[in-house]
Amino acid sequence: MASGYEGQQITVCPANDLVVVRLGKTPEGCKEPLHKWRLQVLEVFDQA
């Protein structure tokens, strides 16, 4: 995983042949929901 400026993120999951890129500005108070969203995305692909 790589975290960039204002909430931009790259998550690599080799086991699922998956790369998730999230671009956009994230206000300080929304970082926890963004973390939960990323985990939910990975869980969906893990179940496939």
Foldseek 3Di string as FASTA:
>chain_A
DDADPQGWDWDDDVVLRDIDTDDDHHPPVCPVVSVVVVVVVVVVSVVD
